[in-house]
Amino acid sequence: MGLNYGDKVWQEMIKDHTGEWGMDINHWDWVPGVGVIAMLEYYEATRRPEVLAYLQDWVARNKAKAAGKTVINSSAPYAIFPALYRITGDAWLKEEAIRIAEWMIHDTPRTREDAFEHTVTEKVEFSEQVWADTIFMAVLFLARTASLVGSRAYAEEALKQVLIHLRLLQDPQTNVLFHGWNCATGDHMSSARWTRANAWIAAGIPMIVQEIATIVEIPTELKERYGRLMSGLLAYQQVDGLWSTVMDQPHFYKEVSGSAGIAYGLLKGMELGLIPRQEETAAAAELVFTAILPYITEEGIVEGVSGGTPVMPTIQAYQDDIPTYPTLYGQGLVLMLLSKVLQKEQVEYA
């Protein structure tokens, strides 16, 4: 079942969606970045040569568009470079990954707490702001490059960023994450427990740990915080398996991309031993998978995905001002979950 749905979702992602901000894969930013990261996951689950060929072609067609876009949010596409280098041996991929990693280590803007400031390609600044999104959009790439070149400096920076983000964003009362932190004002701004923010870190941390665990020791603090996060998220899962776009507002609309990312994190976290392997946790992830399938149309479009979302001025604004529409990151997070389910099925039936 996962393969059939995965193929539909993937095929929709590679169609010509020119002019659609959410679905146009032929540019260089975080939206297509999440898309190609997910496609790499799909390739690793299926080993379908056409998926790998598409990723190679995508880089060749779009790499020139990366010029002048060296910001945190647009770093996401580089996360596929280490794997593509290992497969193809194309030296440019490795050299470019190192170049961006060096920029990230030495030149990217940081907040007063030494967190990567969440910089974007749009003409807007979020000075001194820390967003959960950064872990997936930038730190995942840094961790993968650390693994590729065996760099302790890159691995230590990736680990440091994960810990800083958890310390600043994790709510001690509920253990889930706030969307962002303003270092200048010392608060979580609107204090929204936004579901997709939690998904970026729920999915991103096990992916990062997988890359750096052989280079640096993973501290107890990270494991404890991640465990508390995932337990906290399960407390907000609704009876149909999904989370609302702001999880502690159950009357807000259900949000598919964040729900998929959390379920991926549950499965990946158990796989790596970051959270205990429990029937209840596996059942919760399975419930998400089942709940999401009706949101995938016959054409492979994933519905129920909230639009691009900065830290909103109020919690209510996440409901009132952010519509749902198809996006590559929605397709991508769902494709990642489908890929993980496929891998799980392959292990069980091997």
Protein backbone atom coordinates (compact mmCIF):
# COMPACT_ATOMS: atom_id res chain seq x y z
CA MET A 1 0.00 0.00 0.00
CA GLY A 2 2.77 2.42 0.97
CA LEU A 3 4.51 1.94 -2.39
CA ASN A 4 1.38 2.72 -4.39
CA TYR A 5 0.67 5.91 -2.44
CA GLY A 6 4.34 6.87 -2.41
CA ASP A 7 4.57 6.63 -6.18
CA LYS A 8 1.50 8.83 -6.61
CA VAL A 9 2.84 11.45 -4.22
CA TRP A 10 6.28 11.43 -5.83
CA GLN A 11 4.93 11.63 -9.39
CA GLU A 12 2.85 14.67 -8.47
CA MET A 13 5.91 16.39 -7.00
CA ILE A 14 7.91 16.17 -10.23
CA LYS A 15 5.18 17.53 -12.50
CA ASP A 16 5.45 21.03 -13.94
CA HIS A 17 3.91 23.34 -11.35
CA THR A 18 5.49 26.53 -12.64
CA GLY A 19 4.05 29.56 -10.90
CA GLU A 20 2.74 27.70 -7.87
CA TRP A 21 4.84 28.78 -4.86
CA GLY A 22 4.03 25.64 -2.90
CA MET A 23 4.53 23.06 -5.65
CA ASP A 24 7.12 24.51 -8.06
CA ILE A 25 10.16 22.29 -7.54
CA ASN A 26 12.41 24.12 -9.97
CA HIS A 27 13.87 26.76 -7.69
CA TRP A 28 16.31 26.81 -4.78
CA ASP A 29 14.76 27.25 -1.35
CA TRP A 30 13.41 25.31 1.60
CA VAL A 31 10.17 24.25 -0.12
CA PRO A 32 11.80 22.20 -2.90
CA GLY A 33 14.54 21.38 -0.41
CA VAL A 34 12.15 19.41 1.78
CA GLY A 35 10.82 17.83 -1.40
CA VAL A 36 14.17 16.48 -2.55
CA ILE A 37 15.14 15.38 0.98
CA ALA A 38 11.96 13.30 0.99
CA MET A 39 12.66 11.92 -2.47
CA LEU A 40 16.03 10.72 -1.25
CA GLU A 41 14.24 8.91 1.58
CA TYR A 42 11.90 7.38 -0.99
CA TYR A 43 14.85 6.26 -3.10
CA GLU A 44 16.54 4.68 -0.09
CA ALA A 45 13.32 2.79 0.73
CA THR A 46 12.64 1.60 -2.83
CA ARG A 47 15.97 1.79 -4.70
CA ARG A 48 14.03 2.88 -7.76
CA PRO A 49 16.62 4.15 -10.27
CA GLU A 50 14.26 6.75 -11.75
CA VAL A 51 14.04 8.52 -8.39
CA LEU A 52 17.83 8.74 -8.11
CA ALA A 53 18.07 9.88 -11.72
CA TYR A 54 15.53 12.62 -11.04
CA LEU A 55 17.50 13.89 -8.02
CA GLN A 56 20.71 14.05 -10.04
CA ASP A 57 18.91 15.88 -12.84
CA TRP A 58 17.26 18.26 -10.36
CA VAL A 59 20.63 19.32 -8.95
CA ALA A 60 22.08 19.81 -12.44
CA ARG A 61 19.11 21.95 -13.50
CA ASN A 62 18.81 24.06 -10.37
CA LYS A 63 22.26 24.43 -8.83
CA ALA A 64 22.92 27.76 -10.56
CA LYS A 65 19.82 29.16 -8.83
CA ALA A 66 21.51 28.73 -5.44
CA ALA A 67 23.84 31.67 -6.16
CA GLY A 68 23.22 34.53 -3.75
CA LYS A 69 20.86 32.49 -1.59
CA THR A 70 23.18 31.50 1.22
CA VAL A 71 20.73 31.71 4.11
CA ILE A 72 19.60 29.18 6.68
CA ASN A 73 16.23 28.41 5.13
CA SER A 74 17.62 27.87 1.63
CA SER A 75 20.26 25.42 2.86
CA ALA A 76 17.77 22.55 2.82
CA PRO A 77 18.48 21.26 -0.73
CA TYR A 78 22.15 20.74 0.14
CA ALA A 79 21.12 17.96 2.54
CA ILE A 80 20.95 15.52 -0.39
CA PHE A 81 24.51 16.31 -1.57
CA PRO A 82 26.40 13.92 0.76
CA ALA A 83 24.31 10.92 -0.29
CA LEU A 84 24.49 11.84 -3.98
CA TYR A 85 28.26 12.16 -3.70
CA ARG A 86 28.55 8.70 -2.14
CA ILE A 87 26.48 7.26 -4.97
CA THR A 88 27.96 9.15 -7.93
CA GLY A 89 31.46 10.16 -6.82
CA ASP A 90 30.90 13.63 -8.30
CA ALA A 91 33.57 15.70 -6.52
CA TRP A 92 31.65 18.94 -7.00
CA LEU A 93 28.90 17.71 -4.68
CA LYS A 94 31.39 17.11 -1.87
CA GLU A 95 33.22 20.38 -2.46
CA GLU A 96 29.98 22.36 -2.46
CA ALA A 97 28.77 20.65 0.71
CA ILE A 98 32.02 21.59 2.45
CA ARG A 99 31.76 25.17 1.20
CA ILE A 100 28.27 25.60 2.61
CA ALA A 101 29.20 23.86 5.86
CA GLU A 102 32.12 26.25 6.31
CA TRP A 103 29.80 29.21 5.75
CA MET A 104 27.38 27.77 8.28
CA ILE A 105 30.08 27.27 10.89
CA HIS A 106 31.82 30.61 10.45
CA ASP A 107 29.54 33.17 8.80
CA THR A 108 25.84 32.49 9.31
CA PRO A 109 24.15 35.07 11.57
CA ARG A 110 23.68 33.87 15.15
CA THR A 111 21.58 35.01 18.05
CA ARG A 112 23.02 36.07 21.39
CA GLU A 113 22.55 32.45 22.59
CA ASP A 114 24.71 31.30 19.62
CA ALA A 115 21.76 29.72 17.82
CA PHE A 116 21.60 29.98 14.05
CA GLU A 117 19.31 32.94 13.37
CA HIS A 118 16.44 31.92 11.11
CA THR A 119 17.32 33.77 7.91
CA VAL A 120 15.19 33.46 4.76
CA THR A 121 15.36 34.35 1.06
CA GLU A 122 12.30 36.61 1.24
CA LYS A 123 12.81 40.33 1.88
CA VAL A 124 12.05 40.07 5.58
CA GLU A 125 14.25 39.70 8.62
CA PHE A 126 13.62 37.79 11.84
CA SER A 127 16.37 39.37 13.87
CA GLU A 128 17.43 37.40 16.96
CA GLN A 129 14.72 34.80 16.30
CA VAL A 130 15.16 31.04 16.78
CA TRP A 131 12.72 28.82 14.87
CA ALA A 132 12.23 25.07 15.15
CA ASP A 133 12.39 24.90 11.33
CA THR A 134 16.16 25.55 11.37
CA ILE A 135 16.93 22.06 12.68
CA PHE A 136 15.52 20.43 9.55
CA MET A 137 16.43 23.13 7.02
CA ALA A 138 20.07 23.60 8.01
CA VAL A 139 21.35 21.42 10.85
CA LEU A 140 20.41 18.19 9.07
CA PHE A 141 22.65 19.22 6.17
CA LEU A 142 25.50 20.05 8.55
CA ALA A 143 25.20 16.66 10.26
CA ARG A 144 25.21 14.81 6.94
CA THR A 145 28.27 16.71 5.79
CA ALA A 146 29.97 15.92 9.12
CA SER A 147 29.36 12.24 8.43
CA LEU A 148 30.58 12.51 4.85
CA VAL A 149 33.94 14.10 5.68
CA GLY A 150 34.35 12.82 9.25
CA SER A 151 34.40 16.34 10.67
CA ARG A 152 34.18 16.55 14.45
CA ALA A 153 33.78 20.34 14.21
CA TYR A 154 30.69 20.01 11.99
CA ALA A 155 29.23 17.26 14.18
CA GLU A 156 29.80 19.23 17.39
CA GLU A 157 28.14 22.31 15.87
CA ALA A 158 25.15 20.25 14.73
CA LEU A 159 24.80 18.77 18.21
CA LYS A 160 25.16 22.19 19.83
CA GLN A 161 22.43 23.67 17.63
CA VAL A 162 20.05 20.82 18.44
CA LEU A 163 20.57 21.33 22.17
CA ILE A 164 20.24 25.12 21.98
CA HIS A 165 16.99 24.84 20.04
CA LEU A 166 15.56 22.28 22.46
CA ARG A 167 16.52 24.36 25.49
CA LEU A 168 15.00 27.53 24.06
CA LEU A 169 11.85 26.06 22.52
CA GLN A 170 10.77 23.19 24.79
CA ASP A 171 7.88 23.98 27.11
CA PRO A 172 8.67 22.56 30.58
CA GLN A 173 4.97 22.14 31.35
CA THR A 174 3.88 20.13 28.29
CA ASN A 175 7.30 19.06 26.89
CA VAL A 176 6.26 20.04 23.36
CA LEU A 177 7.88 22.90 21.46
CA PHE A 178 6.90 26.46 20.85
CA HIS A 179 7.26 27.65 17.27
CA GLY A 180 9.93 30.24 18.00
CA TRP A 181 11.96 32.20 20.54
CA ASN A 182 12.85 35.88 20.40
CA CYS A 183 16.27 36.33 21.95
CA ALA A 184 15.94 40.10 22.13
CA THR A 185 12.70 40.09 24.10
CA GLY A 186 13.30 36.80 25.89
CA ASP A 187 9.95 35.21 25.06
CA HIS A 188 8.22 32.76 22.73
CA MET A 189 6.34 35.58 20.98
CA SER A 190 2.78 34.27 20.49
CA SER A 191 3.72 31.06 22.37
CA ALA A 192 2.10 28.85 19.74
CA ARG A 193 2.60 25.12 20.06
CA TRP A 194 2.52 24.83 16.30
CA THR A 195 2.36 21.28 15.06
CA ARG A 196 4.66 21.55 12.05
CA ALA A 197 7.36 23.26 14.16
CA ASN A 198 7.29 20.20 16.39
CA ALA A 199 7.40 17.96 13.31
CA TRP A 200 10.59 19.57 11.97
CA ILE A 201 12.38 18.66 15.17
CA ALA A 202 10.61 15.35 15.81
CA ALA A 203 11.73 14.16 12.37
CA GLY A 204 15.01 16.05 12.22
CA ILE A 205 16.65 14.96 15.46
CA PRO A 206 16.79 11.21 14.74
CA MET A 207 18.01 11.95 11.21
CA ILE A 208 20.78 14.11 12.68
CA VAL A 209 21.69 11.63 15.42
CA GLN A 210 22.02 8.89 12.82
CA GLU A 211 24.69 10.96 11.05
CA ILE A 212 26.79 12.17 13.99
CA ALA A 213 26.58 9.35 16.56
CA THR A 214 29.81 7.75 15.35
CA ILE A 215 31.67 11.08 15.59
CA VAL A 216 30.45 12.58 18.88
CA GLU A 217 28.77 11.11 21.92
CA ILE A 218 25.05 11.82 22.06
CA PRO A 219 24.46 13.33 25.50
CA THR A 220 21.82 12.12 27.93
CA GLU A 221 20.20 15.55 27.85
CA LEU A 222 19.34 15.22 24.16
CA LYS A 223 17.88 11.75 24.61
CA GLU A 224 15.85 12.82 27.63
CA ARG A 225 14.53 15.96 25.98
CA TYR A 226 13.63 14.10 22.79
CA GLY A 227 11.87 11.40 24.79
CA ARG A 228 9.86 14.00 26.69
CA LEU A 229 9.02 15.77 23.43
CA MET A 230 7.63 12.66 21.79
CA SER A 231 5.64 11.71 24.88
CA GLY A 232 4.28 15.24 25.04
CA LEU A 233 3.24 15.13 21.39
CA LEU A 234 1.35 11.87 21.87
CA ALA A 235 -0.69 13.55 24.59
CA TYR A 236 -2.07 15.94 21.96
CA GLN A 237 -2.80 13.36 19.27
CA GLN A 238 -6.52 13.40 18.54
CA VAL A 239 -8.73 10.33 18.27
CA ASP A 240 -8.52 10.27 14.46
CA GLY A 241 -4.72 10.13 14.65
CA LEU A 242 -3.93 13.70 13.58
CA TRP A 243 -2.92 16.91 15.31
CA SER A 244 -4.54 20.33 14.89
CA THR A 245 -2.41 23.00 13.27
CA VAL A 246 -1.85 24.38 16.79
CA MET A 247 -1.91 21.20 18.82
CA ASP A 248 -3.41 22.51 22.07
CA GLN A 249 -6.30 24.06 20.12
CA PRO A 250 -8.30 20.93 19.19
CA HIS A 251 -10.98 22.99 17.41
CA PHE A 252 -8.41 24.32 14.91
CA TYR A 253 -8.17 22.50 11.57
CA LYS A 254 -6.27 19.22 11.32
CA GLU A 255 -2.83 19.57 9.74
CA VAL A 256 -1.46 16.71 7.67
CA SER A 257 2.17 17.70 7.09
CA GLY A 258 2.97 18.18 10.77
CA SER A 259 1.15 15.00 11.68
CA ALA A 260 3.17 13.04 9.11
CA GLY A 261 6.45 14.50 10.36
CA ILE A 262 5.65 13.56 13.95
CA ALA A 263 4.75 10.01 12.93
CA TYR A 264 8.00 9.74 10.98
CA GLY A 265 9.83 10.87 14.11
CA LEU A 266 8.08 8.23 16.21
CA LEU A 267 9.17 5.47 13.84
CA LYS A 268 12.69 6.80 13.28
CA GLY A 269 13.15 7.53 16.98
CA MET A 270 12.23 3.95 17.90
CA GLU A 271 14.48 2.61 15.15
CA LEU A 272 17.49 4.47 16.58
CA GLY A 273 16.66 3.77 20.22
CA LEU A 274 16.01 7.42 21.05
CA ILE A 275 12.59 6.42 22.37
CA PRO A 276 11.52 3.01 23.64
CA ARG A 277 10.04 0.49 21.22
CA GLN A 278 6.52 0.20 22.54
CA GLU A 279 3.35 -1.16 21.00
CA GLU A 280 1.48 1.99 21.96
CA THR A 281 3.98 4.21 20.14
CA ALA A 282 3.96 2.04 17.03
CA ALA A 283 0.16 2.02 17.10
CA ALA A 284 0.09 5.82 17.34
CA ALA A 285 2.31 6.11 14.25
CA GLU A 286 0.17 3.55 12.41
CA LEU A 287 -2.93 5.59 13.28
CA VAL A 288 -1.37 8.67 11.68
CA PHE A 289 -0.54 6.69 8.54
CA THR A 290 -4.11 5.43 8.27
CA ALA A 291 -5.57 8.88 8.95
CA ILE A 292 -3.44 10.56 6.29
CA LEU A 293 -4.27 8.24 3.38
CA PRO A 294 -7.71 9.81 2.72
CA TYR A 295 -5.97 13.18 2.32
CA ILE A 296 -4.02 11.85 -0.69
CA THR A 297 -6.04 12.36 -3.87
CA GLU A 298 -6.12 9.95 -6.77
CA GLU A 299 -3.63 12.27 -8.54
CA GLY A 300 -1.24 12.11 -5.57
CA ILE A 301 -1.90 15.58 -4.17
CA VAL A 302 -1.62 15.77 -0.37
CA GLU A 303 -4.41 17.93 1.01
CA GLY A 304 -4.80 19.46 4.47
CA VAL A 305 -1.37 21.14 4.47
CA SER A 306 -1.02 24.58 6.02
CA GLY A 307 0.71 27.25 3.98
CA GLY A 308 4.07 28.83 4.68
CA THR A 309 3.96 30.03 8.26
CA PRO A 310 6.19 32.48 10.10
CA VAL A 311 5.76 32.87 13.84
CA MET A 312 2.32 34.44 13.83
CA PRO A 313 1.40 37.41 16.06
CA THR A 314 -1.33 35.47 17.85
CA ILE A 315 -2.34 31.85 18.25
CA GLN A 316 -5.68 32.50 16.57
CA ALA A 317 -3.85 33.79 13.48
CA TYR A 318 -2.55 30.28 12.77
CA GLN A 319 -6.18 29.25 12.26
CA ASP A 320 -7.59 32.39 10.64
CA ASP A 321 -4.74 33.60 8.43
CA ILE A 322 -2.98 30.44 7.22
CA PRO A 323 -4.94 28.56 4.54
CA THR A 324 -4.29 25.01 3.40
CA TYR A 325 -3.05 24.19 -0.09
CA PRO A 326 -0.73 21.64 -1.76
CA THR A 327 2.98 22.14 -1.11
CA LEU A 328 6.19 20.24 -1.71
CA TYR A 329 6.91 20.15 2.00
CA GLY A 330 3.48 18.63 2.62
CA GLN A 331 4.07 16.09 -0.13
CA GLY A 332 7.57 15.57 1.27
CA LEU A 333 6.72 14.94 4.91
CA VAL A 334 4.01 12.50 3.84
CA LEU A 335 6.42 10.80 1.43
CA MET A 336 8.94 10.45 4.26
CA LEU A 337 6.32 8.72 6.40
CA LEU A 338 5.28 6.46 3.52
CA SER A 339 8.95 5.59 2.92
CA LYS A 340 9.49 4.74 6.57
CA VAL A 341 6.40 2.53 6.59
CA LEU A 342 7.72 0.77 3.48
CA GLN A 343 11.07 0.11 5.16
CA LYS A 344 9.31 -1.18 8.26
CA GLU A 345 7.20 -3.56 6.15
CA GLN A 346 10.30 -4.81 4.31
CA VAL A 347 12.00 -5.64 7.62
CA GLU A 348 8.93 -7.37 9.00
CA TYR A 349 8.42 -9.52 5.91
CA ALA A 350 12.07 -10.25 5.12
